[in-house]
Amino acid sequence: MALNNILNKNFKTGFTLLEMLVVLVLVSFISVLLLEGFSYVLHLRSSFLDQFEDLQQGALQEYWFRSTTAAIITDYYDGEHIFKGEEHQFSGLTIAALDQSIGVPTAFTWKMEYADGIMVLRYQNSKDETWDISHWFSGEGKFSYMAKDGKWHTNWPPKIGLDIPQIPKIIQFQGQRRNKPLTWIIKLSENNATR
């Protein structure tokens, strides 16, 4: 018994080498899982912020187009800014120009130009300054104009009819965003004089 007491006093308690290795392996495994999870959360956050910024940019581009287009007004019979529309461009007067105070009749042009595989939607102000608003990697894109009879035309004024209003009833933009079709439809004012 005395020998057992002596051996127990000299025997030190603690972790064995095997137990230490098991603990280190478990800690490293948990650390790897936590780092992978943290990396995944950062990736999701970055992806979400990119998509959110893209949505904001798209909403801003649409707002600019809608506000200037919905505020198109007629010009005098012999005015130099009578509304003209083609498949890739339209111009006229608006009271919501991007570079003027609201309510001031201002000449403007919206146009789509294709070069080097990229279609660019541009706004041109009354000083002939051009701003790139949007672009996409395709030659797809056009403007269409609806007459009061509900028929769509690629040019305005249409070549047919005698009592054609100076501005169309609706303007439709067809383009792309992130390689997906995009359509904006803008209804113009009902107060519309004939030519």
N, C-alpha and C. Protein backbone atom coordinates (compact mmCIF):
# COMPACT_ATOMS: atom_id res chain seq x y z
N MET A 1 0.80 -1.18 0.00
CA MET A 1 0.00 0.00 0.00
C MET A 1 0.85 1.25 0.00
N ALA A 2 1.92 1.19 0.73
CA ALA A 2 2.82 2.33 0.78
C ALA A 2 3.42 2.58 -0.59
N LEU A 3 3.68 1.48 -1.30
CA LEU A 3 4.24 1.61 -2.65
C LEU A 3 3.24 2.27 -3.59
N ASN A 4 1.99 1.90 -3.48
CA ASN A 4 0.95 2.54 -4.29
C ASN A 4 0.84 4.02 -3.98
N ASN A 5 0.90 4.40 -2.72
CA ASN A 5 0.84 5.81 -2.34
C ASN A 5 2.02 6.58 -2.91
N ILE A 6 3.18 5.96 -2.87
CA ILE A 6 4.38 6.62 -3.40
C ILE A 6 4.26 6.77 -4.90
N LEU A 7 3.78 5.74 -5.62
CA LEU A 7 3.63 5.81 -7.07
C LEU A 7 2.57 6.85 -7.46
N ASN A 8 1.48 6.91 -6.73
CA ASN A 8 0.42 7.88 -7.04
C ASN A 8 0.90 9.31 -6.81
N LYS A 9 1.75 9.54 -5.83
CA LYS A 9 2.25 10.88 -5.58
C LYS A 9 3.20 11.32 -6.66
N ASN A 10 4.02 10.40 -7.17
CA ASN A 10 4.98 10.74 -8.22
C ASN A 10 4.32 10.83 -9.61
N PHE A 11 3.17 10.21 -9.78
CA PHE A 11 2.49 10.23 -11.07
C PHE A 11 1.77 11.55 -11.24
N LYS A 12 2.11 12.27 -12.30
CA LYS A 12 1.52 13.60 -12.53
C LYS A 12 0.31 13.44 -13.44
N THR A 13 -0.74 14.18 -13.15
CA THR A 13 -1.94 14.10 -13.97
C THR A 13 -1.84 15.14 -15.07
N GLY A 14 -2.52 14.89 -16.25
CA GLY A 14 -2.50 15.80 -17.39
C GLY A 14 -2.95 15.07 -18.63
N PHE A 15 -2.87 15.77 -19.79
CA PHE A 15 -3.28 15.18 -21.06
C PHE A 15 -2.15 14.36 -21.64
N THR A 16 -2.54 13.28 -22.26
CA THR A 16 -1.55 12.49 -22.96
C THR A 16 -1.32 13.12 -24.33
N LEU A 17 -0.28 12.69 -25.01
CA LEU A 17 0.03 13.21 -26.34
C LEU A 17 -1.10 12.93 -27.33
N LEU A 18 -1.70 11.77 -27.22
CA LEU A 18 -2.81 11.41 -28.10
C LEU A 18 -4.01 12.33 -27.87
N GLU A 19 -4.32 12.59 -26.62
CA GLU A 19 -5.44 13.48 -26.31
C GLU A 19 -5.18 14.89 -26.85
N MET A 20 -3.96 15.35 -26.73
CA MET A 20 -3.60 16.68 -27.26
C MET A 20 -3.78 16.73 -28.77
N LEU A 21 -3.34 15.68 -29.46
CA LEU A 21 -3.49 15.63 -30.92
C LEU A 21 -4.95 15.63 -31.33
N VAL A 22 -5.79 14.90 -30.62
CA VAL A 22 -7.23 14.86 -30.92
C VAL A 22 -7.83 16.25 -30.73
N VAL A 23 -7.48 16.92 -29.65
CA VAL A 23 -7.99 18.28 -29.41
C VAL A 23 -7.52 19.23 -30.49
N LEU A 24 -6.26 19.17 -30.89
CA LEU A 24 -5.75 20.05 -31.95
C LEU A 24 -6.44 19.80 -33.29
N VAL A 25 -6.69 18.53 -33.60
CA VAL A 25 -7.39 18.20 -34.85
C VAL A 25 -8.81 18.76 -34.81
N LEU A 26 -9.50 18.60 -33.69
CA LEU A 26 -10.87 19.13 -33.57
C LEU A 26 -10.90 20.65 -33.66
N VAL A 27 -9.98 21.32 -33.01
CA VAL A 27 -9.93 22.78 -33.04
C VAL A 27 -9.64 23.26 -34.46
N SER A 28 -8.70 22.61 -35.14
CA SER A 28 -8.38 23.02 -36.51
C SER A 28 -9.57 22.76 -37.44
N PHE A 29 -10.28 21.65 -37.25
CA PHE A 29 -11.45 21.35 -38.07
C PHE A 29 -12.55 22.41 -37.86
N ILE A 30 -12.80 22.76 -36.63
CA ILE A 30 -13.81 23.80 -36.33
C ILE A 30 -13.37 25.14 -36.90
N SER A 31 -12.08 25.46 -36.79
CA SER A 31 -11.57 26.73 -37.36
C SER A 31 -11.76 26.78 -38.87
N VAL A 32 -11.49 25.67 -39.55
CA VAL A 32 -11.67 25.62 -41.00
C VAL A 32 -13.14 25.83 -41.35
N LEU A 33 -14.03 25.17 -40.63
CA LEU A 33 -15.46 25.35 -40.89
C LEU A 33 -15.90 26.80 -40.67
N LEU A 34 -15.43 27.40 -39.60
CA LEU A 34 -15.79 28.79 -39.32
C LEU A 34 -15.26 29.73 -40.40
N LEU A 35 -14.02 29.53 -40.84
CA LEU A 35 -13.44 30.38 -41.88
C LEU A 35 -14.17 30.21 -43.21
N GLU A 36 -14.53 28.96 -43.55
CA GLU A 36 -15.29 28.74 -44.78
C GLU A 36 -16.67 29.41 -44.70
N GLY A 37 -17.31 29.30 -43.56
CA GLY A 37 -18.61 29.95 -43.37
C GLY A 37 -18.49 31.46 -43.46
N PHE A 38 -17.45 32.01 -42.85
CA PHE A 38 -17.23 33.46 -42.90
C PHE A 38 -16.94 33.90 -44.33
N SER A 39 -16.16 33.12 -45.06
CA SER A 39 -15.86 33.42 -46.46
C SER A 39 -17.14 33.38 -47.30
N TYR A 40 -17.98 32.41 -47.05
CA TYR A 40 -19.25 32.30 -47.78
C TYR A 40 -20.16 33.50 -47.49
N VAL A 41 -20.22 33.91 -46.23
CA VAL A 41 -21.03 35.09 -45.86
C VAL A 41 -20.49 36.34 -46.54
N LEU A 42 -19.18 36.51 -46.59
CA LEU A 42 -18.60 37.66 -47.28
C LEU A 42 -18.91 37.63 -48.78
N HIS A 43 -18.86 36.44 -49.38
CA HIS A 43 -19.19 36.30 -50.80
C HIS A 43 -20.66 36.66 -51.04
N LEU A 44 -21.56 36.16 -50.20
CA LEU A 44 -22.98 36.50 -50.32
C LEU A 44 -23.21 38.00 -50.17
N ARG A 45 -22.54 38.60 -49.21
CA ARG A 45 -22.68 40.04 -48.99
C ARG A 45 -22.21 40.82 -50.22
N SER A 46 -21.07 40.44 -50.77
CA SER A 46 -20.54 41.11 -51.95
C SER A 46 -21.48 40.94 -53.15
N SER A 47 -21.98 39.73 -53.33
CA SER A 47 -22.92 39.45 -54.42
C SER A 47 -24.20 40.26 -54.25
N PHE A 48 -24.72 40.31 -53.04
CA PHE A 48 -25.93 41.08 -52.76
C PHE A 48 -25.71 42.56 -53.04
N LEU A 49 -24.58 43.11 -52.59
CA LEU A 49 -24.30 44.53 -52.82
C LEU A 49 -24.15 44.84 -54.31
N ASP A 50 -23.51 43.93 -55.07
CA ASP A 50 -23.40 44.13 -56.52
C ASP A 50 -24.77 44.14 -57.18
N GLN A 51 -25.62 43.19 -56.81
CA GLN A 51 -26.96 43.13 -57.40
C GLN A 51 -27.80 44.34 -56.99
N PHE A 52 -27.66 44.76 -55.74
CA PHE A 52 -28.40 45.92 -55.26
C PHE A 52 -27.96 47.18 -56.01
N GLU A 53 -26.66 47.35 -56.20
CA GLU A 53 -26.14 48.49 -56.94
C GLU A 53 -26.62 48.45 -58.40
N ASP A 54 -26.63 47.26 -58.99
CA ASP A 54 -27.10 47.11 -60.36
C ASP A 54 -28.58 47.47 -60.47
N LEU A 55 -29.39 47.03 -59.50
CA LEU A 55 -30.81 47.37 -59.50
C LEU A 55 -31.02 48.87 -59.35
N GLN A 56 -30.25 49.50 -58.48
CA GLN A 56 -30.35 50.95 -58.31
C GLN A 56 -29.98 51.67 -59.60
N GLN A 57 -28.92 51.22 -60.24
CA GLN A 57 -28.48 51.84 -61.49
C GLN A 57 -29.55 51.67 -62.57
N GLY A 58 -30.13 50.47 -62.67
CA GLY A 58 -31.19 50.22 -63.64
C GLY A 58 -32.42 51.07 -63.36
N ALA A 59 -32.77 51.21 -62.10
CA ALA A 59 -33.93 52.04 -61.74
C ALA A 59 -33.67 53.51 -62.08
N LEU A 60 -32.46 53.97 -61.85
CA LEU A 60 -32.11 55.35 -62.17
C LEU A 60 -32.15 55.59 -63.68
N GLN A 61 -31.62 54.65 -64.46
CA GLN A 61 -31.66 54.78 -65.92
C GLN A 61 -33.09 54.82 -66.43
N GLU A 62 -33.93 53.94 -65.90
CA GLU A 62 -35.34 53.93 -66.31
C GLU A 62 -36.03 55.23 -65.91
N TYR A 63 -35.74 55.73 -64.72
CA TYR A 63 -36.35 56.99 -64.27
C TYR A 63 -35.98 58.14 -65.19
N TRP A 64 -34.70 58.23 -65.56
CA TRP A 64 -34.27 59.31 -66.47
C TRP A 64 -35.02 59.23 -67.79
N PHE A 65 -35.12 58.02 -68.35
CA PHE A 65 -35.80 57.86 -69.63
C PHE A 65 -37.29 58.18 -69.49
N ARG A 66 -37.93 57.63 -68.46
CA ARG A 66 -39.36 57.85 -68.27
C ARG A 66 -39.69 59.32 -68.02
N SER A 67 -38.92 59.98 -67.17
CA SER A 67 -39.26 61.36 -66.81
C SER A 67 -39.14 62.29 -68.01
N THR A 68 -38.07 62.16 -68.79
CA THR A 68 -37.92 63.05 -69.94
C THR A 68 -38.94 62.73 -71.03
N THR A 69 -39.23 61.45 -71.22
CA THR A 69 -40.14 61.04 -72.29
C THR A 69 -41.60 61.34 -71.95
N ALA A 70 -42.01 61.09 -70.73
CA ALA A 70 -43.40 61.35 -70.34
C ALA A 70 -43.72 62.84 -70.37
N ALA A 71 -42.71 63.69 -70.30
CA ALA A 71 -42.91 65.14 -70.27
C ALA A 71 -42.73 65.78 -71.64
N ILE A 72 -42.78 64.99 -72.72
CA ILE A 72 -42.67 65.55 -74.07
C ILE A 72 -43.88 66.45 -74.34
N ILE A 73 -43.60 67.61 -74.94
CA ILE A 73 -44.66 68.54 -75.30
C ILE A 73 -44.57 68.85 -76.79
N THR A 74 -45.65 69.39 -77.33
CA THR A 74 -45.67 69.75 -78.74
C THR A 74 -44.97 71.09 -78.95
N ASP A 75 -44.50 71.30 -80.16
CA ASP A 75 -43.88 72.55 -80.55
C ASP A 75 -44.86 73.31 -81.44
N TYR A 76 -44.54 74.54 -81.82
CA TYR A 76 -45.38 75.28 -82.77
C TYR A 76 -45.41 74.55 -84.10
N TYR A 77 -46.42 74.87 -84.93
CA TYR A 77 -46.54 74.24 -86.25
C TYR A 77 -45.23 74.28 -87.02
N ASP A 78 -44.60 75.44 -87.02
CA ASP A 78 -43.38 75.61 -87.80
C ASP A 78 -42.13 75.60 -86.91
N GLY A 79 -42.24 75.06 -85.70
CA GLY A 79 -41.12 75.03 -84.77
C GLY A 79 -40.02 74.09 -85.24
N GLU A 80 -38.81 74.34 -84.76
CA GLU A 80 -37.68 73.50 -85.17
C GLU A 80 -37.53 72.25 -84.31
N HIS A 81 -38.35 72.12 -83.27
CA HIS A 81 -38.24 70.95 -82.39
C HIS A 81 -39.52 70.13 -82.37
N ILE A 82 -40.19 70.05 -83.52
CA ILE A 82 -41.36 69.18 -83.62
C ILE A 82 -40.88 67.74 -83.43
N PHE A 83 -41.67 66.96 -82.70
CA PHE A 83 -41.28 65.59 -82.39
C PHE A 83 -41.06 64.78 -83.67
N LYS A 84 -39.93 64.08 -83.69
CA LYS A 84 -39.59 63.17 -84.79
C LYS A 84 -39.08 61.88 -84.17
N GLY A 85 -39.57 60.75 -84.69
CA GLY A 85 -39.14 59.47 -84.16
C GLY A 85 -38.75 58.51 -85.25
N GLU A 86 -37.69 57.78 -84.99
CA GLU A 86 -37.22 56.71 -85.87
C GLU A 86 -37.00 55.47 -85.02
N GLU A 87 -36.56 54.41 -85.66
CA GLU A 87 -36.37 53.15 -84.95
C GLU A 87 -35.29 53.24 -83.88
N HIS A 88 -34.25 54.06 -84.10
CA HIS A 88 -33.14 54.15 -83.14
C HIS A 88 -32.95 55.55 -82.56
N GLN A 89 -33.93 56.43 -82.76
CA GLN A 89 -33.76 57.79 -82.23
C GLN A 89 -35.09 58.52 -82.24
N PHE A 90 -35.28 59.37 -81.23
CA PHE A 90 -36.38 60.33 -81.28
C PHE A 90 -35.95 61.62 -80.61
N SER A 91 -36.57 62.72 -81.05
CA SER A 91 -36.21 64.03 -80.51
C SER A 91 -37.44 64.93 -80.49
N GLY A 92 -37.36 65.97 -79.69
CA GLY A 92 -38.46 66.91 -79.57
C GLY A 92 -38.21 67.86 -78.42
N LEU A 93 -39.30 68.28 -77.77
CA LEU A 93 -39.24 69.16 -76.61
C LEU A 93 -39.76 68.42 -75.38
N THR A 94 -39.11 68.65 -74.26
CA THR A 94 -39.57 68.08 -73.00
C THR A 94 -39.53 69.17 -71.92
N ILE A 95 -40.39 69.03 -70.93
CA ILE A 95 -40.35 69.98 -69.80
C ILE A 95 -39.69 69.33 -68.58
N ALA A 96 -39.02 68.21 -68.80
CA ALA A 96 -38.28 67.52 -67.72
C ALA A 96 -36.92 67.07 -68.26
N ALA A 97 -36.18 67.98 -68.85
CA ALA A 97 -34.84 67.65 -69.35
C ALA A 97 -33.92 67.29 -68.19
N LEU A 98 -32.95 66.45 -68.47
CA LEU A 98 -32.03 66.01 -67.42
C LEU A 98 -31.12 67.12 -66.92
N ASP A 99 -30.90 68.15 -67.73
CA ASP A 99 -29.95 69.20 -67.37
C ASP A 99 -30.60 70.57 -67.17
N GLN A 100 -31.92 70.62 -67.09
CA GLN A 100 -32.64 71.89 -66.92
C GLN A 100 -33.62 71.79 -65.77
N SER A 101 -34.12 72.93 -65.34
CA SER A 101 -35.16 72.95 -64.31
C SER A 101 -36.45 72.38 -64.90
N ILE A 102 -37.23 71.73 -64.08
CA ILE A 102 -38.50 71.17 -64.54
C ILE A 102 -39.44 72.31 -64.91
N GLY A 103 -40.09 72.14 -66.06
CA GLY A 103 -41.04 73.14 -66.54
C GLY A 103 -40.50 73.98 -67.67
N VAL A 104 -39.20 73.93 -67.93
CA VAL A 104 -38.60 74.71 -69.01
C VAL A 104 -38.59 73.85 -70.28
N PRO A 105 -39.30 74.28 -71.35
CA PRO A 105 -39.26 73.51 -72.59
C PRO A 105 -37.84 73.46 -73.15
N THR A 106 -37.32 72.26 -73.32
CA THR A 106 -35.94 72.06 -73.73
C THR A 106 -35.87 70.99 -74.81
N ALA A 107 -35.05 71.25 -75.83
CA ALA A 107 -34.84 70.26 -76.88
C ALA A 107 -34.00 69.12 -76.34
N PHE A 108 -34.28 67.91 -76.79
CA PHE A 108 -33.56 66.72 -76.33
C PHE A 108 -33.60 65.67 -77.43
N THR A 109 -32.76 64.66 -77.28
CA THR A 109 -32.76 63.50 -78.18
C THR A 109 -32.39 62.26 -77.37
N TRP A 110 -33.14 61.18 -77.57
CA TRP A 110 -32.76 59.86 -77.09
C TRP A 110 -32.37 59.05 -78.32
N LYS A 111 -31.24 58.36 -78.27
CA LYS A 111 -30.82 57.56 -79.42
C LYS A 111 -30.06 56.32 -78.97
N MET A 112 -30.13 55.31 -79.84
CA MET A 112 -29.37 54.09 -79.65
C MET A 112 -28.35 54.01 -80.78
N GLU A 113 -27.10 53.77 -80.41
CA GLU A 113 -26.03 53.67 -81.41
C GLU A 113 -25.28 52.36 -81.18
N TYR A 114 -25.05 51.64 -82.29
CA TYR A 114 -24.40 50.33 -82.23
C TYR A 114 -23.00 50.43 -82.83
N ALA A 115 -22.00 49.97 -82.09
CA ALA A 115 -20.62 49.94 -82.59
C ALA A 115 -19.84 48.89 -81.81
N ASP A 116 -19.01 48.12 -82.50
CA ASP A 116 -18.12 47.13 -81.89
C ASP A 116 -18.86 46.13 -81.01
N GLY A 117 -20.06 45.73 -81.43
CA GLY A 117 -20.82 44.73 -80.68
C GLY A 117 -21.55 45.26 -79.46
N ILE A 118 -21.57 46.57 -79.28
CA ILE A 118 -22.23 47.16 -78.11
C ILE A 118 -23.26 48.18 -78.57
N MET A 119 -24.49 48.06 -78.06
CA MET A 119 -25.54 49.05 -78.29
C MET A 119 -25.55 49.99 -77.09
N VAL A 120 -25.52 51.30 -77.36
CA VAL A 120 -25.47 52.29 -76.30
C VAL A 120 -26.71 53.17 -76.39
N LEU A 121 -27.40 53.35 -75.26
CA LEU A 121 -28.52 54.28 -75.15
C LEU A 121 -27.95 55.60 -74.68
N ARG A 122 -28.17 56.66 -75.49
CA ARG A 122 -27.58 57.97 -75.19
C ARG A 122 -28.66 59.03 -75.10
N TYR A 123 -28.40 60.00 -74.23
CA TYR A 123 -29.24 61.19 -74.10
C TYR A 123 -28.43 62.38 -74.62
N GLN A 124 -29.05 63.19 -75.46
CA GLN A 124 -28.39 64.39 -75.98
C GLN A 124 -29.19 65.60 -75.54
N ASN A 125 -28.54 66.56 -74.91
CA ASN A 125 -29.25 67.74 -74.42
C ASN A 125 -29.30 68.83 -75.48
N SER A 126 -29.83 69.99 -75.12
CA SER A 126 -30.01 71.08 -76.08
C SER A 126 -28.69 71.71 -76.52
N LYS A 127 -27.61 71.44 -75.79
CA LYS A 127 -26.29 71.98 -76.16
C LYS A 127 -25.47 70.95 -76.96
N ASP A 128 -26.14 69.90 -77.41
CA ASP A 128 -25.51 68.80 -78.16
C ASP A 128 -24.48 68.03 -77.35
N GLU A 129 -24.58 68.08 -76.03
CA GLU A 129 -23.74 67.24 -75.17
C GLU A 129 -24.42 65.88 -75.07
N THR A 130 -23.64 64.81 -75.19
CA THR A 130 -24.20 63.46 -75.19
C THR A 130 -23.73 62.70 -73.96
N TRP A 131 -24.68 62.03 -73.32
CA TRP A 131 -24.38 61.24 -72.13
C TRP A 131 -24.77 59.79 -72.39
N ASP A 132 -23.85 58.87 -72.11
CA ASP A 132 -24.17 57.44 -72.20
C ASP A 132 -24.96 57.04 -70.97
N ILE A 133 -26.15 56.52 -71.17
CA ILE A 133 -27.01 56.15 -70.06
C ILE A 133 -26.96 54.65 -69.77
N SER A 134 -26.98 53.84 -70.82
CA SER A 134 -26.97 52.39 -70.65
C SER A 134 -26.31 51.76 -71.87
N HIS A 135 -25.85 50.52 -71.70
CA HIS A 135 -25.29 49.78 -72.84
C HIS A 135 -25.51 48.29 -72.63
N TRP A 136 -25.50 47.55 -73.75
CA TRP A 136 -25.63 46.11 -73.70
C TRP A 136 -24.89 45.51 -74.89
N PHE A 137 -24.49 44.26 -74.73
CA PHE A 137 -23.67 43.58 -75.73
C PHE A 137 -24.55 42.85 -76.74
N SER A 138 -25.18 43.63 -77.60
CA SER A 138 -26.06 43.09 -78.63
C SER A 138 -26.46 44.22 -79.55
N GLY A 139 -26.90 43.88 -80.75
CA GLY A 139 -27.40 44.89 -81.68
C GLY A 139 -28.89 45.08 -81.54
N GLU A 140 -29.51 44.39 -80.56
CA GLU A 140 -30.95 44.47 -80.36
C GLU A 140 -31.32 45.79 -79.67
N GLY A 141 -32.39 46.40 -80.17
CA GLY A 141 -32.90 47.61 -79.53
C GLY A 141 -33.63 48.47 -80.54
N LYS A 142 -34.76 49.04 -80.09
CA LYS A 142 -35.51 49.94 -80.98
C LYS A 142 -36.54 50.73 -80.19
N PHE A 143 -37.01 51.81 -80.81
CA PHE A 143 -38.12 52.59 -80.31
C PHE A 143 -39.32 52.33 -81.20
N SER A 144 -40.52 52.29 -80.62
CA SER A 144 -41.77 52.16 -81.36
C SER A 144 -42.72 53.23 -80.86
N TYR A 145 -43.66 53.62 -81.73
CA TYR A 145 -44.57 54.73 -81.44
C TYR A 145 -46.00 54.30 -81.72
N MET A 146 -46.88 54.46 -80.73
CA MET A 146 -48.27 54.07 -80.91
C MET A 146 -49.11 55.30 -81.27
N ALA A 147 -49.90 55.17 -82.35
CA ALA A 147 -50.82 56.22 -82.76
C ALA A 147 -52.10 56.13 -81.93
N LYS A 148 -52.97 57.12 -82.06
CA LYS A 148 -54.20 57.12 -81.26
C LYS A 148 -55.14 55.99 -81.64
N ASP A 149 -54.95 55.37 -82.83
CA ASP A 149 -55.78 54.23 -83.22
C ASP A 149 -55.26 52.91 -82.67
N GLY A 150 -54.15 52.94 -81.92
CA GLY A 150 -53.60 51.74 -81.29
C GLY A 150 -52.59 50.99 -82.14
N LYS A 151 -52.24 51.50 -83.32
CA LYS A 151 -51.28 50.83 -84.19
C LYS A 151 -49.87 51.33 -83.89
N TRP A 152 -48.90 50.40 -83.94
CA TRP A 152 -47.50 50.72 -83.67
C TRP A 152 -46.79 51.09 -84.96
N HIS A 153 -45.89 52.07 -84.86
CA HIS A 153 -45.11 52.53 -86.00
C HIS A 153 -43.64 52.61 -85.60
N THR A 154 -42.74 52.42 -86.57
CA THR A 154 -41.31 52.55 -86.29
C THR A 154 -40.81 53.96 -86.59
N ASN A 155 -41.63 54.77 -87.23
CA ASN A 155 -41.29 56.18 -87.52
C ASN A 155 -42.44 57.07 -87.08
N TRP A 156 -42.10 58.28 -86.64
CA TRP A 156 -43.13 59.26 -86.28
C TRP A 156 -42.74 60.61 -86.85
N PRO A 157 -43.64 61.30 -87.51
CA PRO A 157 -45.03 60.93 -87.77
C PRO A 157 -45.12 59.83 -88.81
N PRO A 158 -46.16 58.99 -88.70
CA PRO A 158 -46.32 57.95 -89.71
C PRO A 158 -46.65 58.56 -91.07
N LYS A 159 -46.39 57.83 -92.09
CA LYS A 159 -46.60 58.34 -93.45
C LYS A 159 -48.06 58.33 -93.86
N ILE A 160 -48.91 57.68 -93.07
CA ILE A 160 -50.31 57.56 -93.46
C ILE A 160 -51.20 58.40 -92.56
N GLY A 161 -52.36 58.79 -93.08
CA GLY A 161 -53.34 59.51 -92.28
C GLY A 161 -53.23 61.01 -92.44
N LEU A 162 -54.34 61.69 -92.23
CA LEU A 162 -54.38 63.13 -92.40
C LEU A 162 -54.34 63.86 -91.07
N ASP A 163 -55.00 63.29 -90.07
CA ASP A 163 -55.12 63.96 -88.77
C ASP A 163 -54.17 63.30 -87.77
N ILE A 164 -52.86 63.46 -88.00
CA ILE A 164 -51.86 62.82 -87.15
C ILE A 164 -51.44 63.80 -86.05
N PRO A 165 -51.55 63.38 -84.78
CA PRO A 165 -51.07 64.24 -83.70
C PRO A 165 -49.55 64.46 -83.82
N GLN A 166 -49.09 65.55 -83.23
CA GLN A 166 -47.66 65.87 -83.31
C GLN A 166 -46.81 64.87 -82.54
N ILE A 167 -47.34 64.37 -81.43
CA ILE A 167 -46.61 63.37 -80.65
C ILE A 167 -47.45 62.10 -80.54
N PRO A 168 -46.80 60.95 -80.43
CA PRO A 168 -47.56 59.69 -80.33
C PRO A 168 -48.25 59.55 -78.98
N LYS A 169 -49.11 58.57 -78.90
CA LYS A 169 -49.83 58.29 -77.65
C LYS A 169 -48.90 57.59 -76.66
N ILE A 170 -48.10 56.66 -77.17
CA ILE A 170 -47.19 55.87 -76.33
C ILE A 170 -45.86 55.71 -77.06
N ILE A 171 -44.77 55.74 -76.29
CA ILE A 171 -43.44 55.42 -76.82
C ILE A 171 -42.95 54.17 -76.10
N GLN A 172 -42.46 53.22 -76.87
CA GLN A 172 -41.94 51.98 -76.29
C GLN A 172 -40.45 51.85 -76.60
N PHE A 173 -39.69 51.57 -75.55
CA PHE A 173 -38.26 51.29 -75.70
C PHE A 173 -38.05 49.80 -75.51
N GLN A 174 -37.33 49.17 -76.44
CA GLN A 174 -36.96 47.77 -76.29
C GLN A 174 -35.44 47.67 -76.36
N GLY A 175 -34.86 47.12 -75.33
CA GLY A 175 -33.42 46.96 -75.26
C GLY A 175 -33.08 45.72 -74.46
N GLN A 176 -31.94 45.74 -73.81
CA GLN A 176 -31.52 44.61 -72.99
C GLN A 176 -30.85 45.11 -71.72
N ARG A 177 -30.90 44.26 -70.71
CA ARG A 177 -30.17 44.50 -69.47
C ARG A 177 -29.71 43.15 -68.96
N ARG A 178 -28.41 43.00 -68.78
CA ARG A 178 -27.83 41.73 -68.34
C ARG A 178 -28.22 40.59 -69.28
N ASN A 179 -28.17 40.86 -70.58
CA ASN A 179 -28.48 39.89 -71.63
C ASN A 179 -29.91 39.37 -71.59
N LYS A 180 -30.81 40.13 -70.98
CA LYS A 180 -32.23 39.77 -70.96
C LYS A 180 -33.02 40.91 -71.57
N PRO A 181 -34.09 40.57 -72.30
CA PRO A 181 -34.90 41.62 -72.93
C PRO A 181 -35.48 42.58 -71.90
N LEU A 182 -35.56 43.84 -72.28
CA LEU A 182 -36.04 44.89 -71.40
C LEU A 182 -36.98 45.78 -72.21
N THR A 183 -38.15 46.08 -71.66
CA THR A 183 -39.11 46.95 -72.33
C THR A 183 -39.61 48.00 -71.35
N TRP A 184 -39.56 49.25 -71.79
CA TRP A 184 -40.15 50.35 -71.05
C TRP A 184 -41.24 50.95 -71.92
N ILE A 185 -42.43 51.14 -71.36
CA ILE A 185 -43.54 51.72 -72.11
C ILE A 185 -43.94 53.01 -71.40
N ILE A 186 -43.95 54.12 -72.16
CA ILE A 186 -44.22 55.43 -71.58
C ILE A 186 -45.42 56.05 -72.29
N LYS A 187 -46.44 56.37 -71.51
CA LYS A 187 -47.64 57.04 -72.03
C LYS A 187 -47.39 58.53 -72.01
N LEU A 188 -47.69 59.19 -73.13
CA LEU A 188 -47.49 60.62 -73.24
C LEU A 188 -48.79 61.36 -72.92
N SER A 189 -48.67 62.66 -72.80
CA SER A 189 -49.80 63.51 -72.40
C SER A 189 -50.95 63.41 -73.39
N GLU A 190 -52.17 63.54 -72.88
CA GLU A 190 -53.36 63.53 -73.72
C GLU A 190 -53.51 64.84 -74.49
N ASN A 191 -52.94 65.94 -73.97
CA ASN A 191 -53.04 67.24 -74.63
C ASN A 191 -52.07 67.25 -75.79
N ASN A 192 -52.57 66.94 -76.97
CA ASN A 192 -51.71 66.67 -78.11
C ASN A 192 -52.30 67.32 -79.35
N ALA A 193 -51.66 68.35 -79.81
CA ALA A 193 -52.16 69.05 -80.99
C ALA A 193 -51.77 68.32 -82.25
N THR A 194 -52.57 68.50 -83.32
CA THR A 194 -52.20 67.92 -84.60
C THR A 194 -51.24 68.86 -85.29
N ARG A 195 -50.57 68.35 -86.35
CA ARG A 195 -49.55 69.12 -87.04
C ARG A 195 -50.09 70.32 -87.76
